[in-house]
Amino acid sequence: MAKKLSGITFDFDATFYNYPRMVGRLIHRFGPHVKLIYDLTDERAKLRKEGKIVNFRKRQLEVMAKRWNKPLDWTEKKLDKVVYDGWNSAFDKVKPLKDVFNMLDMVVANDIPISVVSDYPPKDKMQKMGFLKYPWKIIMNGEDIGLLKPDPTGLHMAMEKMGTKPEETLHVGDSMRYDIQGAKNAGMMNAWLKWWWKKNKYNIQPDYTFTNFAQLMDILEKEFGLKRL
């Protein structure tokens, strides 16, 4: 008997596109900023543990300025240039993963509501890649609500918008530590996009594992009874 599926939430970054290929293609552009990306990732991991942050971007700016021992205005310009403006502008050349559009077409055709819950703001990137043609119930990011995954708040907000229950909602993402654990914290079903280089280093067991979106379509068909187009 098929399990009931009332809605799906998706992570965006490194879930809907080939992250290592993007980095490899743009290494000439972002290679000089490897340390910046490392530092930012490290500090955001700490911010995840702080609880709700009223002004996330301001708090992130403060910790990065302290880490680099630089003025706030210098730090803000650096982050905007490399991450929020520079990184996003690169998505004109980034292509979605194979079959991701076919998967979304399948889900929408089966009247399953969909949402995106990401840590970084995804909307501009989604527009450049052609994802805004889909009827997303909500596109949200952890910076706006001041809570990054694995905190379940963003996922709960998306489910409220979709009108779904956690036990009937699937979250799809590439991060075991943040997406899959976040889904478990929210009481949701979960599906892990396992990149070839990734290993499950955590004491977390995903409900489903897939390596490409054709496999996810198989899961949606066999486990939840969704019909293919």
Protein backbone atom coordinates (compact mmCIF):
# COMPACT_ATOMS: atom_id res chain seq x y z
CA MET A 1 0.00 0.00 0.00
CA ALA A 2 1.35 3.39 -1.00
CA LYS A 3 2.26 5.85 1.73
CA LYS A 4 0.38 9.12 1.84
CA LEU A 5 2.27 12.10 0.45
CA SER A 6 0.63 15.50 0.85
CA GLY A 7 3.55 17.82 0.07
CA ILE A 8 7.28 18.08 -0.68
CA THR A 9 9.84 20.63 0.47
CA PHE A 10 13.16 20.97 -1.31
CA ASP A 11 16.54 22.35 -0.43
CA PHE A 12 18.02 24.32 -3.33
CA ASP A 13 21.79 24.76 -3.20
CA ALA A 14 23.66 21.60 -4.27
CA THR A 15 20.32 19.80 -4.55
CA PHE A 16 18.95 21.18 -7.81
CA TYR A 17 22.29 21.73 -9.55
CA ASN A 18 25.74 20.16 -9.76
CA TYR A 19 27.68 22.04 -7.12
CA PRO A 20 31.19 20.63 -7.78
CA ARG A 21 30.82 21.16 -11.52
CA MET A 22 29.75 24.74 -10.92
CA VAL A 23 32.74 25.37 -8.67
CA GLY A 24 35.09 23.73 -11.16
CA ARG A 25 33.75 25.79 -14.03
CA LEU A 26 34.03 29.03 -12.09
CA ILE A 27 37.21 28.33 -10.14
CA HIS A 28 39.04 31.04 -12.12
CA ARG A 29 36.49 33.51 -10.80
CA PHE A 30 36.08 32.33 -7.20
CA GLY A 31 39.35 30.51 -6.62
CA PRO A 32 40.94 33.52 -4.87
CA HIS A 33 38.07 33.47 -2.37
CA VAL A 34 38.36 29.88 -1.14
CA LYS A 35 39.35 31.03 2.33
CA LEU A 36 36.38 33.40 2.45
CA ILE A 37 33.97 30.57 1.64
CA TYR A 38 35.64 28.33 4.23
CA ASP A 39 35.49 31.02 6.91
CA LEU A 40 31.87 31.86 6.14
CA THR A 41 30.82 28.20 6.22
CA ASP A 42 32.59 27.73 9.54
CA GLU A 43 30.98 30.80 11.13
CA ARG A 44 27.52 29.89 9.85
CA ALA A 45 27.90 26.48 11.50
CA LYS A 46 28.36 28.34 14.79
CA LEU A 47 25.42 30.65 14.08
CA ARG A 48 23.17 27.62 13.66
CA LYS A 49 23.63 26.98 17.38
CA GLU A 50 22.72 30.47 18.55
CA GLY A 51 18.97 30.07 18.27
CA LYS A 52 16.77 32.65 16.59
CA ILE A 53 18.74 35.64 15.29
CA VAL A 54 16.53 38.70 14.76
CA ASN A 55 18.79 40.26 12.11
CA PHE A 56 20.75 37.36 10.68
CA ARG A 57 22.69 39.29 8.04
CA LYS A 58 23.82 41.84 10.64
CA ARG A 59 24.92 39.13 13.08
CA GLN A 60 26.77 37.28 10.33
CA LEU A 61 28.51 40.51 9.39
CA GLU A 62 29.63 41.03 13.00
CA VAL A 63 31.17 37.58 13.39
CA MET A 64 32.89 37.73 10.01
CA ALA A 65 34.35 41.18 10.72
CA LYS A 66 35.69 39.89 14.02
CA ARG A 67 37.14 36.78 12.38
CA TRP A 68 38.91 38.81 9.72
CA ASN A 69 39.72 41.70 12.03
CA LYS A 70 38.25 44.10 9.48
CA PRO A 71 35.76 47.00 9.68
CA LEU A 72 32.09 46.21 9.23
CA ASP A 73 31.76 48.20 6.00
CA TRP A 74 34.77 46.44 4.43
CA THR A 75 33.38 43.05 5.47
CA GLU A 76 29.93 43.83 4.12
CA LYS A 77 31.29 44.88 0.73
CA LYS A 78 33.42 41.75 0.56
CA LEU A 79 30.55 39.39 1.36
CA ASP A 80 28.21 41.16 -1.05
CA LYS A 81 30.76 41.14 -3.86
CA VAL A 82 31.73 37.48 -3.53
CA VAL A 83 28.69 35.73 -2.06
CA TYR A 84 25.44 37.62 -2.51
CA ASP A 85 26.13 39.43 -5.78
CA GLY A 86 29.09 37.64 -7.31
CA TRP A 87 28.07 34.06 -6.53
CA ASN A 88 24.46 34.62 -7.58
CA SER A 89 25.49 36.24 -10.85
CA ALA A 90 27.30 33.03 -11.80
CA PHE A 91 24.00 31.16 -12.06
CA ASP A 92 23.46 32.42 -15.58
CA LYS A 93 25.83 29.60 -16.54
CA VAL A 94 24.62 26.91 -14.14
CA LYS A 95 22.35 24.16 -15.42
CA PRO A 96 19.84 22.15 -13.36
CA LEU A 97 20.61 18.52 -12.67
CA LYS A 98 19.34 15.99 -15.18
CA ASP A 99 15.68 15.04 -14.72
CA VAL A 100 15.02 17.60 -11.99
CA PHE A 101 12.46 19.36 -14.20
CA ASN A 102 10.92 16.01 -15.14
CA MET A 103 10.62 15.19 -11.45
CA LEU A 104 8.96 18.52 -10.66
CA ASP A 105 6.60 18.12 -13.62
CA MET A 106 5.62 14.72 -12.24
CA VAL A 107 5.00 16.06 -8.74
CA VAL A 108 2.95 19.03 -9.92
CA ALA A 109 0.89 16.84 -12.28
CA ASN A 110 -0.03 14.70 -9.26
CA ASP A 111 -1.31 17.81 -7.43
CA ILE A 112 1.37 17.63 -4.73
CA PRO A 113 2.18 21.11 -3.33
CA ILE A 114 5.87 22.08 -3.35
CA SER A 115 8.05 24.56 -1.47
CA VAL A 116 11.71 25.49 -1.21
CA VAL A 117 13.40 25.84 2.18
CA SER A 118 17.03 26.89 1.81
CA ASP A 119 19.65 28.45 4.06
CA TYR A 120 20.92 31.01 1.53
CA PRO A 121 18.41 33.18 -0.38
CA PRO A 122 17.52 31.07 -3.45
CA LYS A 123 15.00 33.12 -5.43
CA ASP A 124 17.38 34.98 -7.77
CA LYS A 125 19.23 31.77 -8.51
CA MET A 126 15.97 29.93 -9.15
CA GLN A 127 14.89 32.62 -11.59
CA LYS A 128 18.14 32.43 -13.56
CA MET A 129 17.83 28.64 -13.80
CA GLY A 130 14.16 28.51 -14.79
CA PHE A 131 12.66 27.18 -11.58
CA LEU A 132 10.18 29.99 -10.98
CA LYS A 133 7.84 28.55 -13.60
CA TYR A 134 6.65 26.08 -10.97
CA PRO A 135 3.80 26.82 -8.51
CA TRP A 136 5.85 27.02 -5.33
CA LYS A 137 3.70 27.56 -2.26
CA ILE A 138 6.59 29.37 -0.60
CA ILE A 139 10.26 30.05 -1.32
CA MET A 140 12.00 30.83 1.92
CA ASN A 141 15.45 30.97 3.42
CA GLY A 142 16.91 30.69 6.88
CA GLU A 143 18.41 34.16 6.81
CA ASP A 144 14.97 35.77 6.62
CA ILE A 145 13.61 33.90 9.63
CA GLY A 146 16.90 33.97 11.55
CA LEU A 147 17.15 30.21 11.87
CA LEU A 148 19.19 27.87 9.68
CA LYS A 149 18.65 24.14 9.28
CA PRO A 150 18.67 21.75 11.08
CA ASP A 151 16.33 23.98 13.07
CA PRO A 152 12.88 22.83 11.89
CA THR A 153 11.17 26.24 11.98
CA GLY A 154 11.49 26.94 8.25
CA LEU A 155 10.18 23.50 7.37
CA HIS A 156 7.23 23.91 9.73
CA MET A 157 6.44 27.28 8.15
CA ALA A 158 6.49 25.72 4.69
CA MET A 159 4.18 22.90 5.79
CA GLU A 160 1.78 25.43 7.29
CA LYS A 161 1.73 27.25 3.96
CA MET A 162 1.12 24.00 2.07
CA GLY A 163 -1.45 22.79 4.59
CA THR A 164 0.34 19.49 5.18
CA LYS A 165 1.21 17.36 8.18
CA PRO A 166 4.87 16.46 8.94
CA GLU A 167 4.26 12.72 8.69
CA GLU A 168 2.79 13.22 5.21
CA THR A 169 5.46 15.62 3.94
CA LEU A 170 8.79 14.74 2.33
CA HIS A 171 11.89 16.92 2.53
CA VAL A 172 14.52 16.48 -0.19
CA GLY A 173 18.08 17.72 0.24
CA ASP A 174 21.78 16.97 -0.12
CA SER A 175 23.02 17.66 3.41
CA MET A 176 22.78 14.84 5.91
CA ARG A 177 23.69 17.14 8.78
CA TYR A 178 21.28 19.94 7.91
CA ASP A 179 18.57 18.72 5.50
CA ILE A 180 18.00 15.19 6.72
CA GLN A 181 18.49 16.02 10.38
CA GLY A 182 16.32 19.10 9.94
CA ALA A 183 13.55 16.98 8.43
CA LYS A 184 13.80 14.52 11.31
CA ASN A 185 13.64 17.40 13.79
CA ALA A 186 10.45 18.52 12.03
CA GLY A 187 8.94 15.02 12.10
CA MET A 188 9.01 14.75 8.31
CA MET A 189 9.89 12.01 5.88
CA ASN A 190 13.17 12.66 4.10
CA ALA A 191 15.15 11.81 0.97
CA TRP A 192 18.90 12.31 0.73
CA LEU A 193 20.59 13.24 -2.54
CA LYS A 194 23.90 11.43 -2.11
CA TRP A 195 26.72 12.91 -4.12
CA TRP A 196 29.41 10.42 -5.12
CA TRP A 197 32.03 11.87 -2.76
CA LYS A 198 29.77 12.11 0.27
CA LYS A 199 29.71 9.63 3.12
CA ASN A 200 27.23 9.45 5.96
CA LYS A 201 29.51 10.51 8.80
CA TYR A 202 26.65 11.04 11.20
CA ASN A 203 24.42 8.79 13.24
CA ILE A 204 21.50 9.64 10.97
CA GLN A 205 19.58 7.26 8.74
CA PRO A 206 17.65 8.83 5.85
CA ASP A 207 14.32 7.33 4.88
CA TYR A 208 15.34 7.29 1.23
CA THR A 209 18.63 7.74 -0.61
CA PHE A 210 19.01 8.61 -4.29
CA THR A 211 21.90 9.64 -6.52
CA ASN A 212 19.91 11.22 -9.37
CA PHE A 213 16.41 12.51 -9.95
CA ALA A 214 15.37 9.56 -12.09
CA GLN A 215 15.82 7.48 -8.93
CA LEU A 216 13.77 9.96 -6.92
CA MET A 217 10.99 9.63 -9.49
CA ASP A 218 11.10 5.85 -8.97
CA ILE A 219 10.76 6.39 -5.22
CA LEU A 220 7.81 8.73 -5.68
CA GLU A 221 6.12 6.19 -7.94
CA LYS A 222 6.79 3.03 -5.94
CA GLU A 223 6.55 4.36 -2.39
CA PHE A 224 3.86 7.02 -2.77
CA GLY A 225 1.91 5.97 -5.84
CA LEU A 226 2.60 9.08 -7.91
CA LYS A 227 1.88 8.61 -11.60
CA ARG A 228 4.41 9.41 -14.26
CA LEU A 229 3.52 11.71 -17.13
